[in-house]
């Protein structure tokens, strides 16, 4: 029922030419489809379903409101059930790798060459390490069945 309402509103936005809102509504519908496949009971999402109904009743719905909604929903699902989206850990560890590994490598490299122009050399190294860790964690989540088969396509 929720997925149908989202798809219907998305089709209405397509007719109006509002591609950004259409994409976000379709993404939200995919989230609910995946949660249904994973066996998450709708009763656990009552608060979020009420909020969605309120959002869909708005005549001047903005894409940022839908984005805020599904971000909050995915955060709740991750905390309560441990489900994450595709590339969740990869994106998370990219930033962690740059700060935790990249900055120290850059400092060491610049101190060893006695030239602080090389401080940025560590960032790509840290980024690579972070992405590698994130990819591994994403594979582990997929193997455990904790990954939702949805990805941003907009």
N, C-alpha and C. Protein backbone atom coordinates (compact mmCIF):
# COMPACT_ATOMS: atom_id res chain seq x y z
N UNK A 1 0.83 -1.19 0.00
CA UNK A 1 0.00 0.00 0.00
C UNK A 1 0.88 1.26 0.00
N UNK A 2 1.88 1.31 0.87
CA UNK A 2 2.77 2.47 0.94
C UNK A 2 3.53 2.61 -0.37
N UNK A 3 4.04 1.49 -0.88
CA UNK A 3 4.81 1.52 -2.12
C UNK A 3 3.94 2.02 -3.26
N UNK A 4 2.70 1.57 -3.30
CA UNK A 4 1.79 2.01 -4.35
C UNK A 4 1.54 3.51 -4.28
N UNK A 5 1.35 4.04 -3.06
CA UNK A 5 1.13 5.48 -2.89
C UNK A 5 2.36 6.27 -3.36
N UNK A 6 3.55 5.77 -3.01
CA UNK A 6 4.78 6.45 -3.42
C UNK A 6 4.94 6.43 -4.93
N UNK A 7 4.69 5.28 -5.54
CA UNK A 7 4.82 5.17 -7.01
C UNK A 7 3.80 6.07 -7.72
N UNK A 8 2.58 6.12 -7.17
CA UNK A 8 1.54 6.95 -7.78
C UNK A 8 1.93 8.42 -7.71
N UNK A 9 2.43 8.84 -6.56
CA UNK A 9 2.86 10.25 -6.42
C UNK A 9 4.07 10.53 -7.33
N UNK A 10 4.98 9.54 -7.44
CA UNK A 10 6.15 9.70 -8.31
C UNK A 10 5.72 9.86 -9.76
N UNK A 11 4.74 9.07 -10.19
CA UNK A 11 4.24 9.20 -11.56
C UNK A 11 3.60 10.56 -11.79
N UNK A 12 2.89 11.07 -10.78
CA UNK A 12 2.30 12.41 -10.88
C UNK A 12 3.37 13.48 -11.01
N UNK A 13 4.48 13.30 -10.29
CA UNK A 13 5.58 14.27 -10.37
C UNK A 13 6.30 14.17 -11.71
N UNK A 14 6.32 12.98 -12.29
CA UNK A 14 6.93 12.82 -13.62
C UNK A 14 6.13 13.62 -14.65
N UNK A 15 4.82 13.54 -14.53
CA UNK A 15 3.95 14.28 -15.45
C UNK A 15 4.18 15.78 -15.31
N UNK A 16 4.39 16.24 -14.07
CA UNK A 16 4.65 17.66 -13.81
C UNK A 16 6.06 18.08 -14.25
N UNK A 17 6.92 17.09 -14.49
CA UNK A 17 8.29 17.41 -14.91
C UNK A 17 9.26 17.58 -13.75
N UNK A 18 8.87 17.16 -12.57
CA UNK A 18 9.71 17.29 -11.38
C UNK A 18 10.52 16.00 -11.19
N UNK A 19 11.59 15.88 -11.96
CA UNK A 19 12.39 14.66 -12.00
C UNK A 19 13.08 14.37 -10.66
N UNK A 20 13.58 15.40 -9.98
CA UNK A 20 14.27 15.19 -8.70
C UNK A 20 13.34 14.58 -7.66
N UNK A 21 12.15 15.13 -7.54
CA UNK A 21 11.19 14.60 -6.57
C UNK A 21 10.75 13.20 -6.97
N UNK A 22 10.56 12.97 -8.25
CA UNK A 22 10.19 11.64 -8.72
C UNK A 22 11.25 10.61 -8.33
N UNK A 23 12.52 10.93 -8.55
CA UNK A 23 13.60 10.00 -8.20
C UNK A 23 13.63 9.70 -6.71
N UNK A 24 13.43 10.71 -5.89
CA UNK A 24 13.48 10.50 -4.45
C UNK A 24 12.28 9.69 -3.95
N UNK A 25 11.14 9.90 -4.54
CA UNK A 25 9.97 9.11 -4.18
C UNK A 25 10.14 7.65 -4.60
N UNK A 26 10.69 7.44 -5.79
CA UNK A 26 10.95 6.07 -6.25
C UNK A 26 11.99 5.38 -5.37
N UNK A 27 13.01 6.12 -4.94
CA UNK A 27 14.02 5.57 -4.04
C UNK A 27 13.39 5.16 -2.71
N UNK A 28 12.51 6.00 -2.19
CA UNK A 28 11.82 5.69 -0.94
C UNK A 28 10.95 4.45 -1.11
N UNK A 29 10.31 4.30 -2.26
CA UNK A 29 9.51 3.11 -2.53
C UNK A 29 10.40 1.86 -2.54
N UNK A 30 11.60 1.98 -3.14
CA UNK A 30 12.54 0.85 -3.16
C UNK A 30 12.96 0.47 -1.75
N UNK A 31 13.13 1.47 -0.88
CA UNK A 31 13.49 1.20 0.51
C UNK A 31 12.41 0.35 1.17
N UNK A 32 11.16 0.74 1.00
CA UNK A 32 10.08 -0.04 1.60
C UNK A 32 9.95 -1.42 0.99
N UNK A 33 10.19 -1.56 -0.32
CA UNK A 33 10.15 -2.88 -0.96
C UNK A 33 11.23 -3.79 -0.36
N UNK A 34 12.42 -3.26 -0.18
CA UNK A 34 13.51 -4.05 0.38
C UNK A 34 13.24 -4.43 1.83
N UNK A 35 12.67 -3.51 2.59
CA UNK A 35 12.34 -3.82 3.99
C UNK A 35 11.29 -4.92 4.06
N UNK A 36 10.37 -4.88 3.12
CA UNK A 36 9.35 -5.92 3.06
C UNK A 36 9.98 -7.28 2.72
N UNK A 37 10.94 -7.30 1.79
CA UNK A 37 11.64 -8.54 1.44
C UNK A 37 12.42 -9.09 2.62
N UNK A 38 12.96 -8.19 3.45
CA UNK A 38 13.77 -8.61 4.60
C UNK A 38 12.90 -9.01 5.79
N UNK A 39 11.60 -8.82 5.66
CA UNK A 39 10.69 -9.26 6.73
C UNK A 39 10.49 -8.27 7.85
N UNK A 40 10.78 -7.01 7.61
CA UNK A 40 10.53 -5.98 8.63
C UNK A 40 9.03 -5.73 8.67
N UNK A 41 8.46 -5.86 9.85
CA UNK A 41 7.02 -5.72 10.02
C UNK A 41 6.60 -4.25 9.93
N UNK A 42 5.52 -3.98 9.22
CA UNK A 42 5.04 -2.58 9.12
C UNK A 42 4.70 -1.98 10.48
N UNK A 43 4.30 -2.81 11.43
CA UNK A 43 3.96 -2.29 12.76
C UNK A 43 5.17 -1.65 13.44
N UNK A 44 6.38 -2.08 13.08
CA UNK A 44 7.59 -1.50 13.65
C UNK A 44 7.86 -0.11 13.08
N UNK A 45 7.23 0.19 11.96
CA UNK A 45 7.47 1.45 11.26
C UNK A 45 6.28 2.40 11.33
N UNK A 46 5.37 2.18 12.28
CA UNK A 46 4.15 3.00 12.36
C UNK A 46 4.44 4.49 12.37
N UNK A 47 5.38 4.90 13.19
CA UNK A 47 5.72 6.33 13.31
C UNK A 47 6.19 6.88 11.95
N UNK A 48 6.99 6.10 11.25
CA UNK A 48 7.53 6.54 9.96
C UNK A 48 6.47 6.50 8.87
N UNK A 49 5.55 5.56 8.96
CA UNK A 49 4.46 5.49 7.98
C UNK A 49 3.51 6.68 8.13
N UNK A 50 3.26 7.08 9.39
CA UNK A 50 2.41 8.26 9.62
C UNK A 50 3.09 9.51 9.07
N UNK A 51 4.38 9.62 9.31
CA UNK A 51 5.13 10.77 8.80
C UNK A 51 5.11 10.80 7.27
N UNK A 52 5.23 9.62 6.65
CA UNK A 52 5.20 9.54 5.19
C UNK A 52 3.84 9.98 4.65
N UNK A 53 2.78 9.53 5.31
CA UNK A 53 1.43 9.92 4.88
C UNK A 53 1.27 11.44 4.94
N UNK A 54 1.79 12.04 6.00
CA UNK A 54 1.74 13.50 6.12
C UNK A 54 2.53 14.17 4.99
N UNK A 55 3.69 13.60 4.68
CA UNK A 55 4.50 14.15 3.58
C UNK A 55 3.76 14.07 2.25
N UNK A 56 3.19 12.91 1.98
CA UNK A 56 2.53 12.70 0.68
C UNK A 56 1.26 13.54 0.53
N UNK A 57 0.68 13.96 1.66
CA UNK A 57 -0.52 14.80 1.59
C UNK A 57 -0.19 16.25 1.24
N UNK A 58 1.09 16.62 1.31
CA UNK A 58 1.48 17.99 0.99
C UNK A 58 1.40 18.22 -0.52
N UNK A 59 0.82 19.35 -0.90
CA UNK A 59 0.71 19.64 -2.33
C UNK A 59 2.02 20.19 -2.89
N UNK A 60 2.81 20.86 -2.06
CA UNK A 60 4.08 21.44 -2.51
C UNK A 60 5.27 20.70 -1.89
N UNK A 61 5.30 19.41 -2.06
CA UNK A 61 6.35 18.57 -1.49
C UNK A 61 7.70 18.86 -2.16
N UNK A 62 8.71 19.03 -1.33
CA UNK A 62 10.06 19.35 -1.83
C UNK A 62 10.94 18.11 -1.76
N UNK A 63 11.86 17.93 -2.71
CA UNK A 63 12.76 16.78 -2.70
C UNK A 63 13.58 16.67 -1.42
N UNK A 64 13.99 17.79 -0.84
CA UNK A 64 14.80 17.75 0.37
C UNK A 64 14.04 17.16 1.56
N UNK A 65 12.71 17.36 1.58
CA UNK A 65 11.91 16.77 2.65
C UNK A 65 11.86 15.25 2.53
N UNK A 66 11.76 14.77 1.31
CA UNK A 66 11.75 13.32 1.08
C UNK A 66 13.12 12.75 1.42
N UNK A 67 14.19 13.45 1.04
CA UNK A 67 15.55 13.01 1.36
C UNK A 67 15.74 12.94 2.86
N UNK A 68 15.30 13.95 3.57
CA UNK A 68 15.40 13.97 5.04
C UNK A 68 14.62 12.78 5.64
N UNK A 69 13.44 12.51 5.08
CA UNK A 69 12.61 11.41 5.57
C UNK A 69 13.30 10.06 5.40
N UNK A 70 13.77 9.74 4.18
CA UNK A 70 14.35 8.41 4.00
C UNK A 70 15.70 8.28 4.69
N UNK A 71 16.40 9.38 4.90
CA UNK A 71 17.65 9.31 5.66
C UNK A 71 17.36 8.93 7.10
N UNK A 72 16.32 9.54 7.66
CA UNK A 72 15.91 9.22 9.03
C UNK A 72 15.42 7.77 9.13
N UNK A 73 14.66 7.33 8.14
CA UNK A 73 14.15 5.96 8.11
C UNK A 73 15.29 4.95 8.03
N UNK A 74 16.25 5.18 7.14
CA UNK A 74 17.38 4.26 6.98
C UNK A 74 18.25 4.24 8.24
N UNK A 75 18.39 5.37 8.89
CA UNK A 75 19.15 5.42 10.15
C UNK A 75 18.46 4.57 11.21
N UNK A 76 17.14 4.67 11.31
CA UNK A 76 16.37 3.87 12.26
C UNK A 76 16.52 2.38 11.96
N UNK A 77 16.41 2.01 10.69
CA UNK A 77 16.53 0.60 10.29
C UNK A 77 17.93 0.08 10.59
N UNK A 78 18.94 0.90 10.37
CA UNK A 78 20.32 0.47 10.63
C UNK A 78 20.53 0.26 12.13
N UNK A 79 19.96 1.13 12.95
CA UNK A 79 20.13 1.01 14.40
C UNK A 79 19.35 -0.16 14.97
N UNK A 80 18.13 -0.39 14.47
CA UNK A 80 17.28 -1.43 15.06
C UNK A 80 17.51 -2.81 14.47
N UNK A 81 17.76 -2.89 13.17
CA UNK A 81 17.88 -4.19 12.50
C UNK A 81 19.27 -4.47 11.94
N UNK A 82 20.08 -3.46 11.82
CA UNK A 82 21.43 -3.64 11.30
C UNK A 82 21.52 -3.68 9.78
N UNK A 83 20.45 -3.32 9.09
CA UNK A 83 20.46 -3.30 7.63
C UNK A 83 21.09 -2.01 7.12
N UNK A 84 21.93 -2.12 6.11
CA UNK A 84 22.57 -0.96 5.50
C UNK A 84 22.35 -1.02 3.99
N UNK A 85 22.52 0.13 3.33
CA UNK A 85 22.37 0.18 1.88
C UNK A 85 23.68 -0.26 1.22
N UNK A 86 23.63 -0.46 -0.09
CA UNK A 86 24.84 -0.79 -0.85
C UNK A 86 25.84 0.35 -0.71
N UNK A 87 27.09 0.02 -0.60
CA UNK A 87 28.21 0.97 -0.50
C UNK A 87 28.14 1.85 0.74
N UNK A 88 27.37 1.45 1.73
CA UNK A 88 27.27 2.23 2.97
C UNK A 88 28.63 2.33 3.65
N UNK A 89 29.25 1.20 3.89
CA UNK A 89 30.54 1.19 4.57
C UNK A 89 31.65 1.78 3.71
N UNK A 90 31.56 1.58 2.40
CA UNK A 90 32.58 2.14 1.51
C UNK A 90 32.58 3.67 1.61
N UNK A 91 31.41 4.27 1.57
CA UNK A 91 31.32 5.72 1.68
C UNK A 91 31.74 6.22 3.05
N UNK A 92 31.37 5.48 4.07
CA UNK A 92 31.72 5.86 5.43
C UNK A 92 33.23 5.78 5.66
N UNK A 93 33.82 4.69 5.22
CA UNK A 93 35.25 4.47 5.45
C UNK A 93 36.13 5.30 4.54
N UNK A 94 35.61 5.80 3.43
CA UNK A 94 36.39 6.70 2.59
C UNK A 94 36.80 7.93 3.40
N UNK A 95 35.86 8.53 4.08
CA UNK A 95 36.16 9.72 4.89
C UNK A 95 37.02 9.37 6.09
N UNK A 96 36.72 8.25 6.73
CA UNK A 96 37.51 7.82 7.89
C UNK A 96 38.95 7.55 7.47
N UNK A 97 39.14 6.90 6.35
CA UNK A 97 40.48 6.59 5.87
C UNK A 97 41.30 7.83 5.59
N UNK A 98 40.64 8.85 5.03
CA UNK A 98 41.37 10.08 4.73
C UNK A 98 41.82 10.78 6.00
N UNK A 99 40.99 10.77 7.03
CA UNK A 99 41.35 11.48 8.26
C UNK A 99 42.24 10.66 9.18
N UNK A 100 41.93 9.37 9.31
CA UNK A 100 42.68 8.54 10.26
C UNK A 100 44.01 8.06 9.68
N UNK A 101 44.01 7.70 8.42
CA UNK A 101 45.24 7.18 7.81
C UNK A 101 45.95 8.22 6.94
N UNK A 102 45.18 8.97 6.16
CA UNK A 102 45.76 9.89 5.18
C UNK A 102 46.52 11.05 5.79
N UNK A 103 45.91 11.71 6.75
CA UNK A 103 46.57 12.86 7.36
C UNK A 103 47.89 12.47 8.06
N UNK A 104 47.91 11.41 8.86
CA UNK A 104 49.19 11.02 9.48
C UNK A 104 50.25 10.64 8.43
N UNK A 105 49.85 9.91 7.38
CA UNK A 105 50.81 9.56 6.33
C UNK A 105 51.35 10.81 5.66
N UNK A 106 50.48 11.78 5.40
CA UNK A 106 50.91 13.03 4.79
C UNK A 106 51.88 13.79 5.68
N UNK A 107 51.58 13.81 6.97
CA UNK A 107 52.50 14.48 7.91
C UNK A 107 53.86 13.79 7.96
N UNK A 108 53.84 12.47 8.02
CA UNK A 108 55.10 11.72 8.06
C UNK A 108 55.89 11.96 6.78
N UNK A 109 55.19 11.92 5.65
CA UNK A 109 55.85 12.12 4.36
C UNK A 109 56.45 13.54 4.27
N UNK A 110 55.67 14.52 4.72
CA UNK A 110 56.16 15.91 4.62
C UNK A 110 57.31 16.16 5.60
N UNK A 111 57.25 15.55 6.78
CA UNK A 111 58.37 15.71 7.73
C UNK A 111 59.63 15.03 7.22
N UNK A 112 59.44 13.84 6.62
CA UNK A 112 60.62 13.12 6.15
C UNK A 112 61.31 13.84 4.98
N UNK A 113 60.54 14.54 4.16
CA UNK A 113 61.12 15.30 3.05
C UNK A 113 61.42 16.75 3.43
N UNK A 114 61.02 17.11 4.64
CA UNK A 114 61.23 18.46 5.16
C UNK A 114 60.62 19.50 4.23
N UNK A 115 59.41 19.17 3.71
CA UNK A 115 58.71 20.08 2.82
C UNK A 115 57.20 19.84 3.00
N UNK A 116 56.51 20.82 3.57
CA UNK A 116 55.10 20.64 3.87
C UNK A 116 54.20 20.72 2.63
N UNK A 117 54.77 20.91 1.49
CA UNK A 117 53.99 20.88 0.25
C UNK A 117 53.48 19.47 -0.04
N UNK A 118 54.10 18.48 0.58
CA UNK A 118 53.73 17.08 0.34
C UNK A 118 52.73 16.53 1.36
N UNK A 119 52.16 17.40 2.17
CA UNK A 119 51.22 16.93 3.20
C UNK A 119 49.97 16.29 2.58
N UNK A 120 49.58 16.73 1.40
CA UNK A 120 48.39 16.19 0.74
C UNK A 120 48.60 14.84 0.08
N UNK A 121 49.85 14.37 0.03
CA UNK A 121 50.13 13.08 -0.60
C UNK A 121 49.49 11.93 0.17
N UNK A 122 49.33 12.11 1.48
CA UNK A 122 48.76 11.05 2.30
C UNK A 122 47.27 10.84 2.09
N UNK A 123 46.57 11.87 1.64
CA UNK A 123 45.11 11.75 1.48
C UNK A 123 44.69 10.65 0.51
N UNK A 124 45.28 10.54 -0.68
CA UNK A 124 44.90 9.44 -1.57
C UNK A 124 45.25 8.07 -0.98
N UNK A 125 46.34 8.01 -0.23
CA UNK A 125 46.71 6.74 0.42
C UNK A 125 45.64 6.37 1.44
N UNK A 126 45.26 7.33 2.27
CA UNK A 126 44.23 7.07 3.27
C UNK A 126 42.89 6.76 2.65
N UNK A 127 42.57 7.45 1.55
CA UNK A 127 41.33 7.20 0.85
C UNK A 127 41.30 5.77 0.32
N UNK A 128 42.41 5.31 -0.25
CA UNK A 128 42.49 3.94 -0.78
C UNK A 128 42.33 2.92 0.34
N UNK A 129 42.99 3.16 1.45
CA UNK A 129 42.88 2.23 2.58
C UNK A 129 41.44 2.21 3.09
N UNK A 130 40.84 3.38 3.22
CA UNK A 130 39.46 3.46 3.69
C UNK A 130 38.48 2.77 2.77
N UNK A 131 38.64 2.96 1.47
CA UNK A 131 37.75 2.31 0.50
C UNK A 131 37.91 0.80 0.58
N UNK A 132 39.14 0.32 0.71
CA UNK A 132 39.39 -1.12 0.80
C UNK A 132 38.71 -1.71 2.04
N UNK A 133 38.82 -1.02 3.17
CA UNK A 133 38.16 -1.50 4.39
C UNK A 133 36.64 -1.48 4.21
N UNK A 134 36.13 -0.40 3.62
CA UNK A 134 34.69 -0.28 3.41
C UNK A 134 34.13 -1.34 2.48
N UNK A 135 34.86 -1.64 1.41
CA UNK A 135 34.42 -2.69 0.49
C UNK A 135 34.36 -4.04 1.20
N UNK A 136 35.35 -4.30 2.03
CA UNK A 136 35.37 -5.56 2.79
C UNK A 136 34.18 -5.64 3.74
N UNK A 137 33.89 -4.55 4.43
CA UNK A 137 32.75 -4.53 5.35
C UNK A 137 31.42 -4.65 4.60
N UNK A 138 31.33 -4.06 3.39
CA UNK A 138 30.12 -4.21 2.58
C UNK A 138 29.93 -5.66 2.15
N UNK A 139 31.02 -6.32 1.77
CA UNK A 139 30.94 -7.74 1.39
C UNK A 139 30.48 -8.57 2.58
N UNK A 140 30.99 -8.26 3.76
CA UNK A 140 30.61 -8.99 4.97
C UNK A 140 29.12 -8.77 5.27
N UNK A 141 28.65 -7.54 5.14
CA UNK A 141 27.23 -7.25 5.39
C UNK A 141 26.35 -7.99 4.39
N UNK A 142 26.79 -8.06 3.13
CA UNK A 142 26.01 -8.77 2.11
C UNK A 142 25.97 -10.27 2.41
N UNK A 143 27.11 -10.82 2.82
CA UNK A 143 27.17 -12.25 3.14
C UNK A 143 26.27 -12.59 4.33
N UNK A 144 26.15 -11.67 5.28
CA UNK A 144 25.31 -11.89 6.45
C UNK A 144 23.85 -11.59 6.17
N UNK A 145 23.53 -11.10 4.97
CA UNK A 145 22.16 -10.76 4.63
C UNK A 145 21.70 -9.45 5.25
N UNK A 146 22.63 -8.59 5.60
CA UNK A 146 22.31 -7.33 6.25
C UNK A 146 22.38 -6.13 5.30
N UNK A 147 22.42 -6.40 4.00
CA UNK A 147 22.52 -5.31 3.04
C UNK A 147 21.23 -5.22 2.24
N UNK A 148 20.67 -4.02 2.19
CA UNK A 148 19.50 -3.76 1.36
C UNK A 148 19.97 -3.53 -0.06
N UNK A 149 19.31 -4.12 -1.01
CA UNK A 149 19.73 -4.03 -2.42
C UNK A 149 19.21 -2.73 -3.06
N UNK A 150 19.63 -1.63 -2.49
CA UNK A 150 19.26 -0.33 -3.04
C UNK A 150 20.51 0.55 -3.06
N UNK A 151 20.58 1.40 -4.06
CA UNK A 151 21.71 2.32 -4.18
C UNK A 151 21.17 3.63 -4.77
N UNK A 152 21.84 4.72 -4.45
CA UNK A 152 21.45 6.01 -5.02
C UNK A 152 21.74 5.98 -6.51
N UNK A 153 20.75 6.36 -7.30
CA UNK A 153 20.95 6.45 -8.74
C UNK A 153 20.57 7.83 -9.24
N UNK A 154 20.69 8.80 -8.39
CA UNK A 154 20.37 10.18 -8.76
C UNK A 154 21.38 11.12 -8.21
